[in-house]
C-alpha atoms as a PDB file:
ATOM      1  CA  MET A   1      -8.320 -98.032 127.525  1.00  0.00           C
ATOM      2  CA  LYS A   2      -6.678-101.411 128.015  1.00  0.00           C
ATOM      3  CA  GLU A   3      -5.339-103.399 125.090  1.00  0.00           C
ATOM      4  CA  PRO A   4      -8.082-106.104 125.026  1.00  0.00           C
ATOM      5  CA  GLN A   5     -10.774-103.415 124.993  1.00  0.00           C
ATOM      6  CA  LEU A   6      -9.014-101.534 122.213  1.00  0.00           C
ATOM      7  CA  VAL A   7      -8.591-104.704 120.155  1.00  0.00           C
ATOM      8  CA  ALA A   8     -12.291-105.499 120.509  1.00  0.00           C
ATOM      9  CA  ALA A   9     -13.290-101.962 119.546  1.00  0.00           C
ATOM     10  CA  LEU A  10     -11.015-101.915 116.507  1.00  0.00           C
ATOM     11  CA  ARG A  11     -12.204-105.329 115.395  1.00  0.00           C
ATOM     12  CA  ALA A  12     -15.825-104.218 115.714  1.00  0.00           C
ATOM     13  CA  ALA A  13     -14.976-101.219 113.531  1.00  0.00           C
ATOM     14  CA  GLY A  14     -13.703-103.563 110.813  1.00  0.00           C
ATOM     15  CA  CYS A  15      -9.938-103.379 111.383  1.00  0.00           C
ATOM     16  CA  VAL A  16      -8.561-106.678 110.079  1.00  0.00           C
ATOM     17  CA  PHE A  17      -5.269-106.416 111.966  1.00  0.00           C
ATOM     18  CA  ALA A  18      -6.820-105.174 115.208  1.00  0.00           C
ATOM     19  CA  GLU A  19      -4.209-106.737 117.517  1.00  0.00           C
ATOM     20  CA  ASP A  20      -1.256-105.220 115.687  1.00  0.00           C
ATOM     21  CA  GLU A  21      -2.958-101.849 115.362  1.00  0.00           C
ATOM     22  CA  ALA A  22      -3.904-101.723 119.044  1.00  0.00           C
ATOM     23  CA  ARG A  23      -0.343-102.506 120.050  1.00  0.00           C
ATOM     24  CA  LEU A  24       1.040 -99.761 117.831  1.00  0.00           C
ATOM     25  CA  LEU A  25      -1.461 -97.167 119.010  1.00  0.00           C
ATOM     26  CA  ILE A  26      -0.637 -97.935 122.633  1.00  0.00           C
ATOM     27  CA  GLU A  27       3.117 -97.769 121.983  1.00  0.00           C
ATOM     28  CA  GLU A  28       2.951 -94.486 120.077  1.00  0.00           C
ATOM     29  CA  ALA A  29       0.353 -92.528 122.070  1.00  0.00           C
ATOM     30  CA  SER A  30       1.859 -90.054 124.522  1.00  0.00           C
ATOM     31  CA  SER A  31      -1.046 -90.129 126.965  1.00  0.00           C
ATOM     32  CA  PRO A  32      -4.311 -91.949 127.701  1.00  0.00           C
ATOM     33  CA  GLY A  33      -6.167 -88.986 126.226  1.00  0.00           C
ATOM     34  CA  GLU A  34      -4.226 -89.140 123.001  1.00  0.00           C
ATOM     35  CA  LEU A  35      -4.794 -92.899 122.811  1.00  0.00           C
ATOM     36  CA  MET A  36      -8.555 -92.381 123.127  1.00  0.00           C
ATOM     37  CA  ALA A  37      -8.489 -89.704 120.425  1.00  0.00           C
ATOM     38  CA  TRP A  38      -6.391 -91.852 118.117  1.00  0.00           C
ATOM     39  CA  ALA A  39      -8.613 -94.880 118.659  1.00  0.00           C
ATOM     40  CA  ALA A  40     -11.660 -92.814 117.745  1.00  0.00           C
ATOM     41  CA  ARG A  41      -9.969 -91.580 114.571  1.00  0.00           C
ATOM     42  CA  ARG A  42      -8.988 -95.111 113.589  1.00  0.00           C
ATOM     43  CA  MET A  43     -12.461 -96.475 114.224  1.00  0.00           C
ATOM     44  CA  GLY A  44     -13.733 -93.624 112.078  1.00  0.00           C
ATOM     45  CA  GLY A  45     -11.728 -94.975 109.154  1.00  0.00           C
ATOM     46  CA  GLU A  46      -8.635 -92.784 109.142  1.00  0.00           C
ATOM     47  CA  PRO A  47      -5.491 -94.620 108.027  1.00  0.00           C
ATOM     48  CA  LEU A  48      -3.381 -95.828 110.946  1.00  0.00           C
ATOM     49  CA  GLU A  49      -0.241 -94.349 109.396  1.00  0.00           C
ATOM     50  CA  GLN A  50      -1.738 -90.863 109.208  1.00  0.00           C
ATOM     51  CA  ILE A  51      -2.770 -91.122 112.858  1.00  0.00           C
ATOM     52  CA  VAL A  52       0.586 -92.196 114.301  1.00  0.00           C
ATOM     53  CA  GLY A  53       2.475 -90.072 111.757  1.00  0.00           C
ATOM     54  CA  TRP A  54       4.647 -92.675 110.090  1.00  0.00           C
ATOM     55  CA  ALA A  55       4.688 -95.829 107.955  1.00  0.00           C
ATOM     56  CA  ALA A  56       7.142 -98.693 107.689  1.00  0.00           C
ATOM     57  CA  PHE A  57       8.346 -98.968 104.087  1.00  0.00           C
ATOM     58  CA  ALA A  58      11.282-100.897 102.637  1.00  0.00           C
ATOM     59  CA  GLY A  59      13.043-100.926 105.992  1.00  0.00           C
ATOM     60  CA  GLN A  60      12.577 -97.198 106.540  1.00  0.00           C
ATOM     61  CA  ARG A  61      10.353 -95.215 108.906  1.00  0.00           C
ATOM     62  CA  ILE A  62       8.572 -92.762 106.614  1.00  0.00           C
ATOM     63  CA  ALA A  63       6.824 -89.665 107.960  1.00  0.00           C
ATOM     64  CA  VAL A  64       3.169 -89.519 106.884  1.00  0.00           C
ATOM     65  CA  ALA A  65       0.828 -86.523 107.113  1.00  0.00           C
ATOM     66  CA  PRO A  66      -2.979 -86.268 106.959  1.00  0.00           C
ATOM     67  CA  GLY A  67      -4.298 -86.315 103.401  1.00  0.00           C
ATOM     68  CA  VAL A  68      -1.047 -87.595 101.908  1.00  0.00           C
ATOM     69  CA  PHE A  69      -0.962 -90.919 100.068  1.00  0.00           C
ATOM     70  CA  VAL A  70       0.164 -93.663 102.439  1.00  0.00           C
ATOM     71  CA  PRO A  71       3.021 -95.818 101.064  1.00  0.00           C
ATOM     72  CA  ARG A  72       1.757 -99.275 100.137  1.00  0.00           C
ATOM     73  CA  ARG A  73       3.727-102.444 100.639  1.00  0.00           C
ATOM     74  CA  ARG A  74       3.249-103.323  96.948  1.00  0.00           C
ATOM     75  CA  SER A  75       5.385-100.303  96.043  1.00  0.00           C
ATOM     76  CA  GLU A  76       8.378-101.992  97.654  1.00  0.00           C
ATOM     77  CA  LEU A  77       8.636-103.878  94.356  1.00  0.00           C
ATOM     78  CA  LEU A  78       9.755-100.608  92.765  1.00  0.00           C
ATOM     79  CA  VAL A  79      12.593-100.416  95.287  1.00  0.00           C
ATOM     80  CA  THR A  80      13.568-104.050  94.757  1.00  0.00           C
ATOM     81  CA  VAL A  81      13.680-103.729  90.968  1.00  0.00           C
ATOM     82  CA  ALA A  82      15.459-100.376  91.114  1.00  0.00           C
ATOM     83  CA  GLY A  83      18.074-101.789  93.466  1.00  0.00           C
ATOM     84  CA  ARG A  84      19.333-104.299  90.914  1.00  0.00           C
ATOM     85  CA  ALA A  85      21.583-101.656  89.349  1.00  0.00           C
ATOM     86  CA  PRO A  86      23.127 -98.627  91.080  1.00  0.00           C
ATOM     87  CA  ALA A  87      22.110 -95.107  90.132  1.00  0.00           C
ATOM     88  CA  ARG A  88      23.841 -91.791  90.709  1.00  0.00           C
ATOM     89  CA  VAL A  89      20.899 -89.505  89.892  1.00  0.00           C
ATOM     90  CA  VAL A  90      17.409 -90.613  90.943  1.00  0.00           C
ATOM     91  CA  VAL A  91      14.050 -88.882  90.521  1.00  0.00           C
ATOM     92  CA  ASP A  92      10.905 -89.915  92.406  1.00  0.00           C
ATOM     93  CA  LEU A  93       7.992 -88.457  90.415  1.00  0.00           C
ATOM     94  CA  CYS A  94       4.542 -88.133  92.010  1.00  0.00           C
ATOM     95  CA  CYS A  95       6.443 -88.717  95.218  1.00  0.00           C
ATOM     96  CA  GLY A  96       3.726 -88.436  97.875  1.00  0.00           C
ATOM     97  CA  THR A  97       5.613 -88.919 101.144  1.00  0.00           C
ATOM     98  CA  GLY A  98       8.858 -89.428  99.223  1.00  0.00           C
ATOM     99  CA  ALA A  99       8.998 -93.031 100.403  1.00  0.00           C
ATOM    100  CA  LEU A 100      10.530 -94.363  97.182  1.00  0.00           C
ATOM    101  CA  GLY A 101      13.188 -91.678  97.108  1.00  0.00           C
ATOM    102  CA  ALA A 102      13.975 -92.168 100.798  1.00  0.00           C
ATOM    103  CA  ALA A 103      14.342 -95.931 100.395  1.00  0.00           C
ATOM    104  CA  LEU A 104      16.684 -95.487  97.431  1.00  0.00           C
ATOM    105  CA  ALA A 105      18.676 -92.766  99.216  1.00  0.00           C
ATOM    106  CA  ALA A 106      19.220 -95.224 102.060  1.00  0.00           C
ATOM    107  CA  LEU A 107      20.358 -97.836  99.535  1.00  0.00           C
ATOM    108  CA  TRP A 108      22.721 -95.447  97.728  1.00  0.00           C
ATOM    109  CA  PRO A 109      23.832 -92.733 100.192  1.00  0.00           C
ATOM    110  CA  ALA A 110      25.987 -90.980  97.595  1.00  0.00           C
ATOM    111  CA  ALA A 111      23.185 -90.674  95.024  1.00  0.00           C
ATOM    112  CA  GLU A 112      21.509 -87.386  94.136  1.00  0.00           C
ATOM    113  CA  VAL A 113      17.838 -88.077  94.880  1.00  0.00           C
ATOM    114  CA  TYR A 114      15.145 -85.634  93.794  1.00  0.00           C
ATOM    115  CA  ALA A 115      11.378 -85.841  94.289  1.00  0.00           C
ATOM    116  CA  THR A 116       8.426 -83.927  92.858  1.00  0.00           C
ATOM    117  CA  ASP A 117       4.706 -83.657  93.524  1.00  0.00           C
ATOM    118  CA  THR A 118       1.893 -81.228  92.717  1.00  0.00           C
ATOM    119  CA  ASP A 119       0.190 -81.565  96.126  1.00  0.00           C
ATOM    120  CA  PRO A 120       1.558 -79.006  98.638  1.00  0.00           C
ATOM    121  CA  ALA A 121       0.775 -81.358 101.539  1.00  0.00           C
ATOM    122  CA  ALA A 122       2.775 -84.136  99.884  1.00  0.00           C
ATOM    123  CA  VAL A 123       5.702 -81.818  99.189  1.00  0.00           C
ATOM    124  CA  ALA A 124       5.784 -80.677 102.813  1.00  0.00           C
ATOM    125  CA  CYS A 125       5.645 -84.275 104.001  1.00  0.00           C
ATOM    126  CA  ALA A 126       8.331 -85.505 101.585  1.00  0.00           C
ATOM    127  CA  ARG A 127      10.642 -82.750 102.827  1.00  0.00           C
ATOM    128  CA  ARG A 128      10.614 -84.538 106.174  1.00  0.00           C
ATOM    129  CA  ASN A 129      11.858 -87.739 104.535  1.00  0.00           C
ATOM    130  CA  LEU A 130      14.383 -86.335 102.052  1.00  0.00           C
ATOM    131  CA  PRO A 131      16.712 -83.320 101.938  1.00  0.00           C
ATOM    132  CA  PRO A 132      14.175 -80.469 101.676  1.00  0.00           C
ATOM    133  CA  GLU A 133      16.001 -78.702  98.864  1.00  0.00           C
ATOM    134  CA  ARG A 134      15.689 -81.832  96.706  1.00  0.00           C
ATOM    135  CA  VAL A 135      11.873 -82.036  97.036  1.00  0.00           C
ATOM    136  CA  LEU A 136      10.280 -79.812  94.410  1.00  0.00           C
ATOM    137  CA  ALA A 137       6.705 -78.634  93.918  1.00  0.00           C
ATOM    138  CA  GLY A 138       5.285 -78.776  90.418  1.00  0.00           C
ATOM    139  CA  ASP A 139       3.826 -80.844  87.624  1.00  0.00           C
ATOM    140  CA  LEU A 140       6.034 -83.848  86.862  1.00  0.00           C
ATOM    141  CA  TYR A 141       9.223 -82.850  84.988  1.00  0.00           C
ATOM    142  CA  ALA A 142       8.360 -79.138  85.038  1.00  0.00           C
ATOM    143  CA  ALA A 143       9.414 -79.090  88.693  1.00  0.00           C
ATOM    144  CA  LEU A 144      12.936 -80.367  87.965  1.00  0.00           C
ATOM    145  CA  PRO A 145      16.012 -78.188  87.407  1.00  0.00           C
ATOM    146  CA  GLY A 146      16.926 -78.045  83.740  1.00  0.00           C
ATOM    147  CA  ASP A 147      20.453 -79.299  84.323  1.00  0.00           C
ATOM    148  CA  LEU A 148      19.054 -82.752  85.084  1.00  0.00           C
ATOM    149  CA  GLN A 149      17.948 -83.221  81.485  1.00  0.00           C
ATOM    150  CA  GLY A 150      19.742 -86.167  79.948  1.00  0.00           C
ATOM    151  CA  ARG A 151      21.514 -87.259  83.111  1.00  0.00           C
ATOM    152  CA  VAL A 152      18.890 -89.024  85.249  1.00  0.00           C
ATOM    153  CA  ASP A 153      19.891 -92.656  85.772  1.00  0.00           C
ATOM    154  CA  LEU A 154      16.632 -93.749  87.373  1.00  0.00           C
ATOM    155  CA  LEU A 155      13.060 -92.492  87.288  1.00  0.00           C
ATOM    156  CA  VAL A 156      10.770 -94.236  89.794  1.00  0.00           C
ATOM    157  CA  VAL A 157       7.107 -93.394  89.489  1.00  0.00           C
ATOM    158  CA  ASN A 158       4.003 -94.306  91.438  1.00  0.00           C
ATOM    159  CA  ALA A 159       1.643 -92.019  89.539  1.00  0.00           C
ATOM    160  CA  PRO A 160      -2.090 -92.224  90.272  1.00  0.00           C
ATOM    161  CA  TYR A 161      -3.551 -95.067  88.225  1.00  0.00           C
ATOM    162  CA  VAL A 162      -7.052 -95.655  89.584  1.00  0.00           C
ATOM    163  CA  PRO A 163      -9.700 -95.014  86.887  1.00  0.00           C
ATOM    164  CA  THR A 164     -11.898 -92.109  87.932  1.00  0.00           C
ATOM    165  CA  ASP A 165     -15.095 -94.162  88.087  1.00  0.00           C
ATOM    166  CA  GLU A 166     -13.446 -96.740  90.350  1.00  0.00           C
ATOM    167  CA  ILE A 167     -12.430 -94.332  93.109  1.00  0.00           C
ATOM    168  CA  ALA A 168     -15.866 -94.681  94.680  1.00  0.00           C
ATOM    169  CA  THR A 169     -15.231 -98.419  95.126  1.00  0.00           C
ATOM    170  CA  MET A 170     -11.917 -97.952  96.944  1.00  0.00           C
ATOM    171  CA  PRO A 171     -11.680 -98.593 100.700  1.00  0.00           C
ATOM    172  CA  PRO A 172     -12.809 -95.554 102.735  1.00  0.00           C
ATOM    173  CA  GLU A 173      -9.279 -95.214 104.145  1.00  0.00           C
ATOM    174  CA  ALA A 174      -8.094 -94.191 100.688  1.00  0.00           C
ATOM    175  CA  ARG A 175     -11.031 -92.440  99.071  1.00  0.00           C
ATOM    176  CA  ASP A 176     -11.947 -90.388 102.153  1.00  0.00           C
ATOM    177  CA  HIS A 177      -8.522 -89.669 103.652  1.00  0.00           C
ATOM    178  CA  GLU A 178      -6.050 -89.401 100.769  1.00  0.00           C
ATOM    179  CA  HIS A 179      -6.154 -86.449  98.411  1.00  0.00           C
ATOM    180  CA  ARG A 180      -7.889 -87.296  95.148  1.00  0.00           C
ATOM    181  CA  VAL A 181      -4.943 -86.018  93.093  1.00  0.00           C
ATOM    182  CA  ALA A 182      -2.924 -88.980  94.438  1.00  0.00           C
ATOM    183  CA  LEU A 183      -5.540 -91.507  93.312  1.00  0.00           C
ATOM    184  CA  ASP A 184      -7.273 -90.317  90.139  1.00  0.00           C
ATOM    185  CA  GLY A 185      -5.631 -91.558  86.962  1.00  0.00           C
ATOM    186  CA  GLY A 186      -8.338 -90.328  84.610  1.00  0.00           C
ATOM    187  CA  PRO A 187     -10.964 -92.320  82.684  1.00  0.00           C
ATOM    188  CA  ASP A 188      -8.760 -95.375  82.078  1.00  0.00           C
ATOM    189  CA  GLY A 189      -6.282 -94.772  84.916  1.00  0.00           C
ATOM    190  CA  LEU A 190      -3.410 -94.039  82.541  1.00  0.00           C
ATOM    191  CA  ASP A 191      -3.596 -90.257  82.033  1.00  0.00           C
ATOM    192  CA  VAL A 192      -0.623 -89.402  84.256  1.00  0.00           C
ATOM    193  CA  GLN A 193       1.360 -92.444  83.133  1.00  0.00           C
ATOM    194  CA  ARG A 194       1.035 -91.284  79.511  1.00  0.00           C
ATOM    195  CA  ARG A 195       2.659 -87.976  80.349  1.00  0.00           C
ATOM    196  CA  VAL A 196       5.343 -89.584  82.509  1.00  0.00           C
ATOM    197  CA  VAL A 197       6.402 -92.079  79.852  1.00  0.00           C
ATOM    198  CA  ALA A 198       6.253 -89.598  76.956  1.00  0.00           C
ATOM    199  CA  GLY A 199       8.496 -87.151  78.788  1.00  0.00           C
ATOM    200  CA  ALA A 200      11.006 -89.643  80.165  1.00  0.00           C
ATOM    201  CA  PRO A 201      13.441 -89.903  77.202  1.00  0.00           C
ATOM    202  CA  GLU A 202      14.309 -86.207  77.477  1.00  0.00           C
ATOM    203  CA  TRP A 203      15.425 -86.623  81.089  1.00  0.00           C
ATOM    204  CA  LEU A 204      17.001 -90.061  81.185  1.00  0.00           C
ATOM    205  CA  ALA A 205      20.704 -90.577  80.575  1.00  0.00           C
ATOM    206  CA  PRO A 206      21.632 -93.148  77.921  1.00  0.00           C
ATOM    207  CA  GLY A 207      20.985 -96.493  79.574  1.00  0.00           C
ATOM    208  CA  GLY A 208      18.800 -94.834  82.224  1.00  0.00           C
ATOM    209  CA  ARG A 209      15.778 -96.698  83.530  1.00  0.00           C
ATOM    210  CA  LEU A 210      12.120 -95.794  83.952  1.00  0.00           C
ATOM    211  CA  LEU A 211      10.094 -97.803  86.505  1.00  0.00           C
ATOM    212  CA  VAL A 212       6.337 -97.252  86.741  1.00  0.00           C
ATOM    213  CA  GLU A 213       3.993 -98.963  89.178  1.00  0.00           C
ATOM    214  CA  THR A 214       0.717-100.114  87.654  1.00  0.00           C
ATOM    215  CA  SER A 215      -1.951-102.751  88.249  1.00  0.00           C
ATOM    216  CA  ARG A 216      -1.870-106.295  86.929  1.00  0.00           C
ATOM    217  CA  GLY A 217      -4.884-105.548  84.740  1.00  0.00           C
ATOM    218  CA  GLN A 218      -3.330-102.376  83.312  1.00  0.00           C
ATOM    219  CA  ALA A 219       0.189-103.727  82.797  1.00  0.00           C
ATOM    220  CA  ASP A 220      -0.162-104.470  79.073  1.00  0.00           C
ATOM    221  CA  ARG A 221      -1.500-100.979  78.378  1.00  0.00           C
ATOM    222  CA  THR A 222       1.227 -99.379  80.484  1.00  0.00           C
ATOM    223  CA  ALA A 223       3.825-101.436  78.617  1.00  0.00           C
ATOM    224  CA  ALA A 224       2.343-100.241  75.308  1.00  0.00           C
ATOM    225  CA  LEU A 225       2.968 -96.647  76.414  1.00  0.00           C
ATOM    226  CA  PHE A 226       6.617 -97.558  76.938  1.00  0.00           C
ATOM    227  CA  GLY A 227       6.803 -99.041  73.448  1.00  0.00           C
ATOM    228  CA  ALA A 228       5.329 -95.896  71.911  1.00  0.00           C
ATOM    229  CA  ALA A 229       8.075 -93.842  73.608  1.00  0.00           C
ATOM    230  CA  GLY A 230      10.848 -96.092  72.267  1.00  0.00           C
ATOM    231  CA  PHE A 231      11.394 -98.269  75.344  1.00  0.00           C
ATOM    232  CA  ALA A 232      11.545-102.041  75.304  1.00  0.00           C
ATOM    233  CA  ALA A 233       9.226-102.776  78.232  1.00  0.00           C
ATOM    234  CA  VAL A 234       9.465-105.578  80.774  1.00  0.00           C
ATOM    235  CA  VAL A 235       6.663-106.302  83.254  1.00  0.00           C
ATOM    236  CA  GLU A 236       7.767-107.351  86.750  1.00  0.00           C
ATOM    237  CA  THR A 237       5.302-108.831  89.248  1.00  0.00           C
ATOM    238  CA  ASP A 238       5.455-110.053  92.843  1.00  0.00           C
ATOM    239  CA  ASP A 239       2.526-112.082  94.113  1.00  0.00           C
ATOM    240  CA  ASP A 240       3.544-111.749  97.764  1.00  0.00           C
ATOM    241  CA  LEU A 241       3.517-107.956  97.520  1.00  0.00           C
ATOM    242  CA  ALA A 242       0.665-107.870  94.981  1.00  0.00           C
ATOM    243  CA  GLY A 243       2.918-105.493  93.065  1.00  0.00           C
ATOM    244  CA  THR A 244       3.314-104.822  89.338  1.00  0.00           C
ATOM    245  CA  VAL A 245       6.015-102.643  87.798  1.00  0.00           C
ATOM    246  CA  VAL A 246       6.792-101.871  84.166  1.00  0.00           C
ATOM    247  CA  VAL A 247      10.479-101.279  83.426  1.00  0.00           C
ATOM    248  CA  GLY A 248      12.033 -99.595  80.413  1.00  0.00           C
ATOM    249  CA  THR A 249      15.631 -98.652  79.606  1.00  0.00           C
ATOM    250  CA  ARG A 250      16.605 -95.743  77.398  1.00  0.00           C
ATOM    251  CA  PRO A 251      18.741 -97.025  74.516  1.00  0.00           C
ATOM    252  CA  VAL A 252      22.405 -96.062  74.797  1.00  0.00           C
ATOM    253  CA  ALA A 253      22.358 -94.809  71.200  1.00  0.00           C
ATOM    254  CA  LEU A 254      19.250 -92.987  69.966  1.00  0.00           C
END
């Protein structure tokens, strides 16, 4: 299939960035047969990143596997905000591919970076992007080694925050091709965030930071969770990225 034909087919299938996607598929496919198979998968609605096996994120090439949450550009705001102050011990909770942890490990090569997820497919994928022994399977903090308690400088979290009833309205790329556990935040979208924020003080070092991605419409409620856990919350937004992050710092003296 030649590039103009592929562009036309992708555009007809509803791909907004058909030219860019066609170019990438052609560059990455190892044979004409693979290109045809990939094109069919893309026109069927599968995320481009899951097809080619990687995503560009915060200057890194992140391995992506079928079913695993694809890193969004809006999550680069977490990396930007985190990067304003160095951290020696970093934890990427609900890590998915481990994109956040990988971006921060590239920023601070000497840092200890850990990542956790409950989804076995995500854990396997994240182990391709981070040192495998630092990617742990389990439910939030329960997956972490106990000796990290009280010494984590930075918790970065992109927990699922889509309200359950709104998953059906998401683009097919997400609702049909990413595991529901990576999307479903419960009735109001904040179920996992509640647990993340409530548990954070036990793990953060004095002065340690908690960064949680949320939506613009949920930011006030996410910030209220921070307040209930003793954090002074700040909401950071970036219109270009369409990103929203709530930031809290553990007081030095409790």
